[in-house]
Protein backbone atom coordinates (compact mmCIF):
# COMPACT_ATOMS: atom_id res chain seq x y z
CA UNK A 1 0.00 0.00 0.00
CA UNK A 2 2.80 2.41 0.92
CA UNK A 3 4.62 1.67 -2.34
CA UNK A 4 1.43 2.38 -4.32
CA UNK A 5 0.97 5.69 -2.52
CA UNK A 6 4.60 6.65 -3.10
CA UNK A 7 4.46 5.84 -6.82
CA UNK A 8 1.13 7.62 -7.25
CA UNK A 9 2.48 10.74 -5.56
CA UNK A 10 5.70 10.68 -7.65
CA UNK A 11 4.07 10.03 -11.03
CA UNK A 12 2.75 13.57 -11.38
CA UNK A 13 6.18 15.03 -10.71
CA UNK A 14 7.85 12.58 -13.07
CA UNK A 15 5.41 13.60 -15.84
CA UNK A 16 6.64 17.18 -15.44
CA UNK A 17 10.29 16.24 -15.99
CA UNK A 18 11.87 17.33 -19.26
CA UNK A 19 11.30 14.75 -21.98
CA UNK A 20 8.74 12.61 -20.16
CA UNK A 21 6.11 11.56 -22.68
CA UNK A 22 4.29 9.15 -20.40
CA UNK A 23 4.24 7.93 -16.81
CA UNK A 24 1.46 5.44 -16.09
CA UNK A 25 1.02 3.52 -12.85
CA UNK A 26 -1.12 0.38 -13.07
CA UNK A 27 -2.15 -2.57 -10.96
CA UNK A 28 -2.84 -6.02 -12.40
CA UNK A 29 -6.51 -7.00 -12.32
CA UNK A 30 -5.42 -10.63 -11.92
CA UNK A 31 -2.99 -10.08 -9.02
CA UNK A 32 -3.34 -6.98 -6.85
CA UNK A 33 0.27 -7.38 -5.74
CA UNK A 34 1.58 -6.85 -9.29
CA UNK A 35 2.25 -3.19 -9.97
CA UNK A 36 3.50 -1.63 -13.20
CA UNK A 37 5.10 1.72 -13.82
CA UNK A 38 5.42 2.56 -17.50
CA UNK A 39 7.52 5.56 -18.44
CA UNK A 40 8.25 6.81 -21.93
CA UNK A 41 11.03 9.32 -22.64
CA UNK A 42 11.74 11.32 -25.77
CA UNK A 43 15.52 10.86 -25.70
CA UNK A 44 18.04 8.62 -23.99
CA UNK A 45 19.65 11.74 -22.53
CA UNK A 46 16.42 12.76 -20.77
CA UNK A 47 15.92 9.19 -19.52
CA UNK A 48 19.44 9.16 -18.08
CA UNK A 49 18.80 12.52 -16.38
CA UNK A 50 15.62 11.04 -14.86
CA UNK A 51 17.51 7.94 -13.65
CA UNK A 52 19.83 10.30 -11.72
CA UNK A 53 16.97 12.41 -10.36
CA UNK A 54 15.65 12.72 -6.81
CA UNK A 55 12.29 11.33 -7.99
CA UNK A 56 13.93 8.13 -9.21
CA UNK A 57 16.05 7.86 -6.05
CA UNK A 58 12.89 8.00 -3.91
CA UNK A 59 11.18 5.45 -6.16
CA UNK A 60 14.11 3.02 -5.95
CA UNK A 61 14.22 3.45 -2.18
CA UNK A 62 10.54 2.57 -1.91
CA UNK A 63 10.98 -0.45 -4.18
CA UNK A 64 13.85 -1.73 -2.04
CA UNK A 65 11.36 -2.21 0.80
CA UNK A 66 9.54 -4.95 -1.13
CA UNK A 67 9.68 -8.50 0.17
CA UNK A 68 10.03 -9.91 -3.34
CA UNK A 69 12.62 -8.78 -5.89
CA UNK A 70 11.35 -6.36 -8.51
CA UNK A 71 11.99 -6.34 -12.22
CA UNK A 72 13.07 -3.28 -14.16
CA UNK A 73 13.02 -3.53 -17.94
CA UNK A 74 14.14 -0.99 -20.53
CA UNK A 75 13.02 -1.05 -24.15
CA UNK A 76 14.53 1.11 -26.85
CA UNK A 77 12.29 2.09 -29.74
CA UNK A 78 13.37 4.03 -32.75
CA UNK A 79 11.39 5.32 -35.69
CA UNK A 80 12.87 5.21 -39.19
CA UNK A 81 12.73 8.53 -41.05
CA UNK A 82 9.13 9.30 -42.02
CA UNK A 83 7.61 6.86 -39.53
CA UNK A 84 7.26 9.30 -36.61
CA UNK A 85 3.67 10.22 -37.43
CA UNK A 86 2.36 6.68 -37.73
PDB file of N, CA and C in Angstrom:
ATOM      1  N   UNK A   1       0.825  -1.188   0.000  1.00  0.00           N
ATOM      2  CA  UNK A   1       0.000   0.000   0.000  1.00  0.00           C
ATOM      3  C   UNK A   1       0.875   1.261   0.000  1.00  0.00           C
ATOM      4  N   UNK A   2       1.922   1.248   0.850  1.00  0.00           N
ATOM      5  CA  UNK A   2       2.800   2.412   0.919  1.00  0.00           C
ATOM      6  C   UNK A   2       3.528   2.639  -0.399  1.00  0.00           C
ATOM      7  N   UNK A   3       3.942   1.533  -1.050  1.00  0.00           N
ATOM      8  CA  UNK A   3       4.617   1.666  -2.337  1.00  0.00           C
ATOM      9  C   UNK A   3       3.664   2.280  -3.364  1.00  0.00           C
ATOM     10  N   UNK A   4       2.423   1.822  -3.391  1.00  0.00           N
ATOM     11  CA  UNK A   4       1.427   2.382  -4.316  1.00  0.00           C
ATOM     12  C   UNK A   4       1.241   3.871  -4.082  1.00  0.00           C
ATOM     13  N   UNK A   5       1.153   4.272  -2.842  1.00  0.00           N
ATOM     14  CA  UNK A   5       0.973   5.686  -2.520  1.00  0.00           C
ATOM     15  C   UNK A   5       2.192   6.507  -2.927  1.00  0.00           C
ATOM     16  N   UNK A   6       3.381   5.947  -2.720  1.00  0.00           N
ATOM     17  CA  UNK A   6       4.605   6.652  -3.102  1.00  0.00           C
ATOM     18  C   UNK A   6       4.668   6.836  -4.610  1.00  0.00           C
ATOM     19  N   UNK A   7       4.408   5.765  -5.353  1.00  0.00           N
ATOM     20  CA  UNK A   7       4.460   5.842  -6.819  1.00  0.00           C
ATOM     21  C   UNK A   7       3.408   6.810  -7.340  1.00  0.00           C
ATOM     22  N   UNK A   8       2.198   6.717  -6.804  1.00  0.00           N
ATOM     23  CA  UNK A   8       1.130   7.615  -7.250  1.00  0.00           C
ATOM     24  C   UNK A   8       1.501   9.075  -7.001  1.00  0.00           C
ATOM     25  N   UNK A   9       2.121   9.358  -5.857  1.00  0.00           N
ATOM     26  CA  UNK A   9       2.485  10.744  -5.561  1.00  0.00           C
ATOM     27  C   UNK A   9       3.651  11.210  -6.434  1.00  0.00           C
ATOM     28  N   UNK A  10       4.556  10.319  -6.819  1.00  0.00           N
ATOM     29  CA  UNK A  10       5.701  10.685  -7.650  1.00  0.00           C
ATOM     30  C   UNK A  10       5.348  10.816  -9.124  1.00  0.00           C
ATOM     31  N   UNK A  11       4.358  10.078  -9.586  1.00  0.00           N
ATOM     32  CA  UNK A  11       4.072  10.025 -11.027  1.00  0.00           C
ATOM     33  C   UNK A  11       3.751  11.402 -11.609  1.00  0.00           C
ATOM     34  N   UNK A  12       3.042  12.231 -10.883  1.00  0.00           N
ATOM     35  CA  UNK A  12       2.746  13.570 -11.380  1.00  0.00           C
ATOM     36  C   UNK A  12       3.999  14.408 -11.556  1.00  0.00           C
ATOM     37  N   UNK A  13       4.916  14.299 -10.608  1.00  0.00           N
ATOM     38  CA  UNK A  13       6.180  15.032 -10.708  1.00  0.00           C
ATOM     39  C   UNK A  13       7.049  14.492 -11.835  1.00  0.00           C
ATOM     40  N   UNK A  14       7.058  13.190 -11.995  1.00  0.00           N
ATOM     41  CA  UNK A  14       7.845  12.580 -13.073  1.00  0.00           C
ATOM     42  C   UNK A  14       7.323  13.057 -14.425  1.00  0.00           C
ATOM     43  N   UNK A  15       6.003  13.135 -14.575  1.00  0.00           N
ATOM     44  CA  UNK A  15       5.407  13.598 -15.842  1.00  0.00           C
ATOM     45  C   UNK A  15       5.859  15.012 -16.211  1.00  0.00           C
ATOM     46  N   UNK A  16       6.226  15.802 -15.201  1.00  0.00           N
ATOM     47  CA  UNK A  16       6.644  17.183 -15.442  1.00  0.00           C
ATOM     48  C   UNK A  16       8.126  17.299 -15.808  1.00  0.00           C
ATOM     49  N   UNK A  17       8.873  16.203 -15.663  1.00  0.00           N
ATOM     50  CA  UNK A  17      10.295  16.245 -15.986  1.00  0.00           C
ATOM     51  C   UNK A  17      10.485  16.420 -17.490  1.00  0.00           C
ATOM     52  N   UNK A  18      11.561  17.086 -17.851  1.00  0.00           N
ATOM     53  CA  UNK A  18      11.874  17.331 -19.261  1.00  0.00           C
ATOM     54  C   UNK A  18      11.979  16.010 -20.016  1.00  0.00           C
ATOM     55  N   UNK A  19      11.218  15.916 -21.099  1.00  0.00           N
ATOM     56  CA  UNK A  19      11.295  14.754 -21.975  1.00  0.00           C
ATOM     57  C   UNK A  19      10.361  13.613 -21.640  1.00  0.00           C
ATOM     58  N   UNK A  20       9.648  13.697 -20.519  1.00  0.00           N
ATOM     59  CA  UNK A  20       8.736  12.613 -20.158  1.00  0.00           C
ATOM     60  C   UNK A  20       7.497  12.681 -21.056  1.00  0.00           C
ATOM     61  N   UNK A  21       7.288  11.643 -21.809  1.00  0.00           N
ATOM     62  CA  UNK A  21       6.106  11.559 -22.675  1.00  0.00           C
ATOM     63  C   UNK A  21       4.961  10.842 -21.979  1.00  0.00           C
ATOM     64  N   UNK A  22       5.316   9.972 -21.023  1.00  0.00           N
ATOM     65  CA  UNK A  22       4.294   9.147 -20.402  1.00  0.00           C
ATOM     66  C   UNK A  22       4.812   8.610 -19.078  1.00  0.00           C
ATOM     67  N   UNK A  23       3.939   8.563 -18.093  1.00  0.00           N
ATOM     68  CA  UNK A  23       4.243   7.931 -16.811  1.00  0.00           C
ATOM     69  C   UNK A  23       2.921   7.376 -16.289  1.00  0.00           C
ATOM     70  N   UNK A  24       2.713   6.087 -16.480  1.00  0.00           N
ATOM     71  CA  UNK A  24       1.463   5.436 -16.093  1.00  0.00           C
ATOM     72  C   UNK A  24       1.731   4.416 -14.989  1.00  0.00           C
ATOM     73  N   UNK A  25       0.917   4.456 -13.962  1.00  0.00           N
ATOM     74  CA  UNK A  25       1.023   3.523 -12.846  1.00  0.00           C
ATOM     75  C   UNK A  25      -0.216   2.646 -12.861  1.00  0.00           C
ATOM     76  N   UNK A  26       0.003   1.324 -12.926  1.00  0.00           N
ATOM     77  CA  UNK A  26      -1.115   0.378 -13.070  1.00  0.00           C
ATOM     78  C   UNK A  26      -0.969  -0.772 -12.081  1.00  0.00           C
ATOM     79  N   UNK A  27      -2.108  -1.384 -11.795  1.00  0.00           N
ATOM     80  CA  UNK A  27      -2.148  -2.572 -10.957  1.00  0.00           C
ATOM     81  C   UNK A  27      -2.811  -3.678 -11.757  1.00  0.00           C
ATOM     82  N   UNK A  28      -2.271  -4.878 -11.686  1.00  0.00           N
ATOM     83  CA  UNK A  28      -2.842  -6.018 -12.400  1.00  0.00           C
ATOM     84  C   UNK A  28      -4.236  -6.332 -11.868  1.00  0.00           C
ATOM     85  N   UNK A  29      -5.171  -6.604 -12.759  1.00  0.00           N
ATOM     86  CA  UNK A  29      -6.511  -7.000 -12.316  1.00  0.00           C
ATOM     87  C   UNK A  29      -6.522  -8.465 -11.884  1.00  0.00           C
ATOM     88  N   UNK A  30      -5.501  -9.221 -12.282  1.00  0.00           N
ATOM     89  CA  UNK A  30      -5.418 -10.634 -11.916  1.00  0.00           C
ATOM     90  C   UNK A  30      -4.696 -10.849 -10.585  1.00  0.00           C
ATOM     91  N   UNK A  31      -3.766  -9.945 -10.248  1.00  0.00           N
ATOM     92  CA  UNK A  31      -2.992 -10.076  -9.017  1.00  0.00           C
ATOM     93  C   UNK A  31      -2.741  -8.684  -8.463  1.00  0.00           C
ATOM     94  N   UNK A  32      -3.438  -8.331  -7.407  1.00  0.00           N
ATOM     95  CA  UNK A  32      -3.342  -6.978  -6.851  1.00  0.00           C
ATOM     96  C   UNK A  32      -1.949  -6.635  -6.342  1.00  0.00           C
ATOM     97  N   UNK A  33      -1.098  -7.627  -6.181  1.00  0.00           N
ATOM     98  CA  UNK A  33       0.270  -7.376  -5.735  1.00  0.00           C
ATOM     99  C   UNK A  33       1.232  -7.097  -6.887  1.00  0.00           C
ATOM    100  N   UNK A  34       0.743  -7.165  -8.122  1.00  0.00           N
ATOM    101  CA  UNK A  34       1.582  -6.849  -9.288  1.00  0.00           C
ATOM    102  C   UNK A  34       1.310  -5.419  -9.710  1.00  0.00           C
ATOM    103  N   UNK A  35       2.346  -4.601  -9.629  1.00  0.00           N
ATOM    104  CA  UNK A  35       2.247  -3.189  -9.975  1.00  0.00           C
ATOM    105  C   UNK A  35       3.155  -2.915 -11.167  1.00  0.00           C
ATOM    106  N   UNK A  36       2.737  -1.974 -12.007  1.00  0.00           N
ATOM    107  CA  UNK A  36       3.501  -1.634 -13.199  1.00  0.00           C
ATOM    108  C   UNK A  36       3.647  -0.123 -13.293  1.00  0.00           C
ATOM    109  N   UNK A  37       4.841   0.317 -13.566  1.00  0.00           N
ATOM    110  CA  UNK A  37       5.099   1.724 -13.817  1.00  0.00           C
ATOM    111  C   UNK A  37       5.696   1.803 -15.210  1.00  0.00           C
ATOM    112  N   UNK A  38       4.984   2.433 -16.114  1.00  0.00           N
ATOM    113  CA  UNK A  38       5.418   2.556 -17.500  1.00  0.00           C
ATOM    114  C   UNK A  38       5.794   4.006 -17.757  1.00  0.00           C
ATOM    115  N   UNK A  39       7.051   4.212 -18.115  1.00  0.00           N
ATOM    116  CA  UNK A  39       7.521   5.556 -18.443  1.00  0.00           C
ATOM    117  C   UNK A  39       8.019   5.549 -19.879  1.00  0.00           C
ATOM    118  N   UNK A  40       7.768   6.640 -20.565  1.00  0.00           N
ATOM    119  CA  UNK A  40       8.255   6.808 -21.927  1.00  0.00           C
ATOM    120  C   UNK A  40       8.972   8.151 -22.005  1.00  0.00           C
ATOM    121  N   UNK A  41      10.190   8.123 -22.569  1.00  0.00           N
ATOM    122  CA  UNK A  41      11.033   9.315 -22.639  1.00  0.00           C
ATOM    123  C   UNK A  41      11.367   9.628 -24.082  1.00  0.00           C
ATOM    124  N   UNK A  42      11.494  10.919 -24.384  1.00  0.00           N
ATOM    125  CA  UNK A  42      11.737  11.322 -25.772  1.00  0.00           C
ATOM    126  C   UNK A  42      13.161  11.066 -26.240  1.00  0.00           C
ATOM    127  N   UNK A  43      14.135  11.126 -25.325  1.00  0.00           N
ATOM    128  CA  UNK A  43      15.522  10.862 -25.703  1.00  0.00           C
ATOM    129  C   UNK A  43      16.206  10.052 -24.606  1.00  0.00           C
ATOM    130  N   UNK A  44      17.262   9.365 -24.976  1.00  0.00           N
ATOM    131  CA  UNK A  44      18.039   8.616 -23.993  1.00  0.00           C
ATOM    132  C   UNK A  44      18.668   9.570 -22.984  1.00  0.00           C
ATOM    133  N   UNK A  45      19.057  10.741 -23.431  1.00  0.00           N
ATOM    134  CA  UNK A  45      19.653  11.739 -22.530  1.00  0.00           C
ATOM    135  C   UNK A  45      18.675  12.136 -21.423  1.00  0.00           C
ATOM    136  N   UNK A  46      17.416  12.391 -21.785  1.00  0.00           N
ATOM    137  CA  UNK A  46      16.419  12.757 -20.774  1.00  0.00           C
ATOM    138  C   UNK A  46      16.103  11.590 -19.844  1.00  0.00           C
ATOM    139  N   UNK A  47      16.105  10.368 -20.372  1.00  0.00           N
ATOM    140  CA  UNK A  47      15.919   9.189 -19.524  1.00  0.00           C
ATOM    141  C   UNK A  47      17.062   9.094 -18.515  1.00  0.00           C
ATOM    142  N   UNK A  48      18.292   9.264 -18.974  1.00  0.00           N
ATOM    143  CA  UNK A  48      19.442   9.163 -18.078  1.00  0.00           C
ATOM    144  C   UNK A  48      19.398  10.252 -16.999  1.00  0.00           C
ATOM    145  N   UNK A  49      18.957  11.443 -17.368  1.00  0.00           N
ATOM    146  CA  UNK A  49      18.798  12.517 -16.376  1.00  0.00           C
ATOM    147  C   UNK A  49      17.766  12.103 -15.327  1.00  0.00           C
ATOM    148  N   UNK A  50      16.668  11.512 -15.783  1.00  0.00           N
ATOM    149  CA  UNK A  50      15.624  11.036 -14.863  1.00  0.00           C
ATOM    150  C   UNK A  50      16.178   9.963 -13.922  1.00  0.00           C
ATOM    151  N   UNK A  51      16.973   9.031 -14.463  1.00  0.00           N
ATOM    152  CA  UNK A  51      17.510   7.944 -13.647  1.00  0.00           C
ATOM    153  C   UNK A  51      18.467   8.452 -12.562  1.00  0.00           C
ATOM    154  N   UNK A  52      18.954   9.674 -12.722  1.00  0.00           N
ATOM    155  CA  UNK A  52      19.834  10.295 -11.723  1.00  0.00           C
ATOM    156  C   UNK A  52      19.072  11.280 -10.829  1.00  0.00           C
ATOM    157  N   UNK A  53      17.766  11.404 -11.054  1.00  0.00           N
ATOM    158  CA  UNK A  53      16.967  12.414 -10.360  1.00  0.00           C
ATOM    159  C   UNK A  53      16.579  11.982  -8.946  1.00  0.00           C
ATOM    160  N   UNK A  54      16.161  12.970  -8.165  1.00  0.00           N
ATOM    161  CA  UNK A  54      15.651  12.720  -6.812  1.00  0.00           C
ATOM    162  C   UNK A  54      14.380  11.877  -6.867  1.00  0.00           C
ATOM    163  N   UNK A  55      13.526  12.119  -7.855  1.00  0.00           N
ATOM    164  CA  UNK A  55      12.287  11.331  -7.987  1.00  0.00           C
ATOM    165  C   UNK A  55      12.611   9.851  -8.129  1.00  0.00           C
ATOM    166  N   UNK A  56      13.577   9.538  -8.990  1.00  0.00           N
ATOM    167  CA  UNK A  56      13.925   8.130  -9.214  1.00  0.00           C
ATOM    168  C   UNK A  56      14.603   7.539  -7.974  1.00  0.00           C
ATOM    169  N   UNK A  57      15.397   8.336  -7.279  1.00  0.00           N
ATOM    170  CA  UNK A  57      16.046   7.859  -6.053  1.00  0.00           C
ATOM    171  C   UNK A  57      14.994   7.468  -5.007  1.00  0.00           C
ATOM    172  N   UNK A  58      13.970   8.291  -4.856  1.00  0.00           N
ATOM    173  CA  UNK A  58      12.890   8.002  -3.907  1.00  0.00           C
ATOM    174  C   UNK A  58      12.139   6.741  -4.348  1.00  0.00           C
ATOM    175  N   UNK A  59      11.874   6.620  -5.629  1.00  0.00           N
ATOM    176  CA  UNK A  59      11.179   5.449  -6.160  1.00  0.00           C
ATOM    177  C   UNK A  59      11.972   4.172  -5.890  1.00  0.00           C
ATOM    178  N   UNK A  60      13.265   4.198  -6.187  1.00  0.00           N
ATOM    179  CA  UNK A  60      14.112   3.018  -5.945  1.00  0.00           C
ATOM    180  C   UNK A  60      14.158   2.687  -4.456  1.00  0.00           C
ATOM    181  N   UNK A  61      14.220   3.690  -3.613  1.00  0.00           N
ATOM    182  CA  UNK A  61      14.222   3.450  -2.176  1.00  0.00           C
ATOM    183  C   UNK A  61      12.951   2.761  -1.720  1.00  0.00           C
ATOM    184  N   UNK A  62      11.828   3.196  -2.255  1.00  0.00           N
ATOM    185  CA  UNK A  62      10.544   2.573  -1.906  1.00  0.00           C
ATOM    186  C   UNK A  62      10.490   1.136  -2.416  1.00  0.00           C
ATOM    187  N   UNK A  63      11.007   0.896  -3.622  1.00  0.00           N
ATOM    188  CA  UNK A  63      10.975  -0.454  -4.184  1.00  0.00           C
ATOM    189  C   UNK A  63      11.885  -1.408  -3.415  1.00  0.00           C
ATOM    190  N   UNK A  64      12.941  -0.887  -2.815  1.00  0.00           N
ATOM    191  CA  UNK A  64      13.849  -1.728  -2.040  1.00  0.00           C
ATOM    192  C   UNK A  64      13.215  -2.261  -0.757  1.00  0.00           C
ATOM    193  N   UNK A  65      12.068  -1.732  -0.385  1.00  0.00           N
ATOM    194  CA  UNK A  65      11.363  -2.213   0.797  1.00  0.00           C
ATOM    195  C   UNK A  65      10.494  -3.432   0.510  1.00  0.00           C
ATOM    196  N   UNK A  66      10.373  -3.807  -0.754  1.00  0.00           N
ATOM    197  CA  UNK A  66       9.542  -4.952  -1.133  1.00  0.00           C
ATOM    198  C   UNK A  66      10.117  -6.256  -0.594  1.00  0.00           C
ATOM    199  N   UNK A  67       9.234  -7.182  -0.276  1.00  0.00           N
ATOM    200  CA  UNK A  67       9.678  -8.500   0.173  1.00  0.00           C
ATOM    201  C   UNK A  67      10.222  -9.328  -0.984  1.00  0.00           C
ATOM    202  N   UNK A  68       9.630  -9.167  -2.151  1.00  0.00           N
ATOM    203  CA  UNK A  68      10.026  -9.915  -3.344  1.00  0.00           C
ATOM    204  C   UNK A  68      10.901  -9.020  -4.213  1.00  0.00           C
ATOM    205  N   UNK A  69      11.823  -9.604  -4.976  1.00  0.00           N
ATOM    206  CA  UNK A  69      12.621  -8.784  -5.895  1.00  0.00           C
ATOM    207  C   UNK A  69      11.725  -8.157  -6.969  1.00  0.00           C
ATOM    208  N   UNK A  70      12.119  -7.013  -7.448  1.00  0.00           N
ATOM    209  CA  UNK A  70      11.354  -6.361  -8.505  1.00  0.00           C
ATOM    210  C   UNK A  70      12.118  -6.475  -9.815  1.00  0.00           C
ATOM    211  N   UNK A  71      11.401  -6.269 -10.890  1.00  0.00           N
ATOM    212  CA  UNK A  71      11.994  -6.340 -12.221  1.00  0.00           C
ATOM    213  C   UNK A  71      11.926  -4.969 -12.871  1.00  0.00           C
ATOM    214  N   UNK A  72      13.030  -4.541 -13.431  1.00  0.00           N
ATOM    215  CA  UNK A  72      13.071  -3.278 -14.157  1.00  0.00           C
ATOM    216  C   UNK A  72      13.530  -3.605 -15.576  1.00  0.00           C
ATOM    217  N   UNK A  73      12.724  -3.224 -16.547  1.00  0.00           N
ATOM    218  CA  UNK A  73      13.018  -3.529 -17.945  1.00  0.00           C
ATOM    219  C   UNK A  73      13.046  -2.254 -18.755  1.00  0.00           C
ATOM    220  N   UNK A  74      14.024  -2.134 -19.630  1.00  0.00           N
ATOM    221  CA  UNK A  74      14.136  -0.989 -20.529  1.00  0.00           C
ATOM    222  C   UNK A  74      13.986  -1.471 -21.957  1.00  0.00           C
ATOM    223  N   UNK A  75      13.192  -0.756 -22.730  1.00  0.00           N
ATOM    224  CA  UNK A  75      13.022  -1.047 -24.150  1.00  0.00           C
ATOM    225  C   UNK A  75      13.413   0.196 -24.932  1.00  0.00           C
ATOM    226  N   UNK A  76      14.154  -0.001 -25.993  1.00  0.00           N
ATOM    227  CA  UNK A  76      14.532   1.107 -26.852  1.00  0.00           C
ATOM    228  C   UNK A  76      13.753   0.985 -28.151  1.00  0.00           C
ATOM    229  N   UNK A  77      13.087   2.064 -28.512  1.00  0.00           N
ATOM    230  CA  UNK A  77      12.292   2.090 -29.735  1.00  0.00           C
ATOM    231  C   UNK A  77      12.819   3.227 -30.594  1.00  0.00           C
ATOM    232  N   UNK A  78      12.980   2.966 -31.853  1.00  0.00           N
ATOM    233  CA  UNK A  78      13.371   4.035 -32.752  1.00  0.00           C
ATOM    234  C   UNK A  78      12.426   4.024 -33.937  1.00  0.00           C
ATOM    235  N   UNK A  79      12.276   5.173 -34.549  1.00  0.00           N
ATOM    236  CA  UNK A  79      11.388   5.317 -35.689  1.00  0.00           C
ATOM    237  C   UNK A  79      12.222   5.668 -36.920  1.00  0.00           C
ATOM    238  N   UNK A  80      12.179   4.849 -37.958  1.00  0.00           N
ATOM    239  CA  UNK A  80      12.872   5.212 -39.189  1.00  0.00           C
ATOM    240  C   UNK A  80      12.331   6.529 -39.736  1.00  0.00           C
ATOM    241  N   UNK A  81      13.142   7.241 -40.478  1.00  0.00           N
ATOM    242  CA  UNK A  81      12.728   8.527 -41.050  1.00  0.00           C
ATOM    243  C   UNK A  81      11.374   8.388 -41.733  1.00  0.00           C
ATOM    244  N   UNK A  82      10.474   9.312 -41.423  1.00  0.00           N
ATOM    245  CA  UNK A  82       9.132   9.304 -42.022  1.00  0.00           C
ATOM    246  C   UNK A  82       8.115   8.496 -41.254  1.00  0.00           C
ATOM    247  N   UNK A  83       8.531   7.724 -40.264  1.00  0.00           N
ATOM    248  CA  UNK A  83       7.608   6.858 -39.526  1.00  0.00           C
ATOM    249  C   UNK A  83       7.105   7.495 -38.228  1.00  0.00           C
ATOM    250  N   UNK A  84       7.593   8.672 -37.866  1.00  0.00           N
ATOM    251  CA  UNK A  84       7.258   9.297 -36.605  1.00  0.00           C
ATOM    252  C   UNK A  84       5.762   9.538 -36.445  1.00  0.00           C
ATOM    253  N   UNK A  85       5.089   9.846 -37.505  1.00  0.00           N
ATOM    254  CA  UNK A  85       3.672  10.222 -37.434  1.00  0.00           C
ATOM    255  C   UNK A  85       2.732   9.025 -37.445  1.00  0.00           C
ATOM    256  N   UNK A  86       3.241   7.842 -37.632  1.00  0.00           N
ATOM    257  CA  UNK A  86       2.355   6.677 -37.733  1.00  0.00           C
ATOM    258  C   UNK A  86       1.997   6.171 -36.359  1.00  0.00           C
TER     259      UNK A  86
END
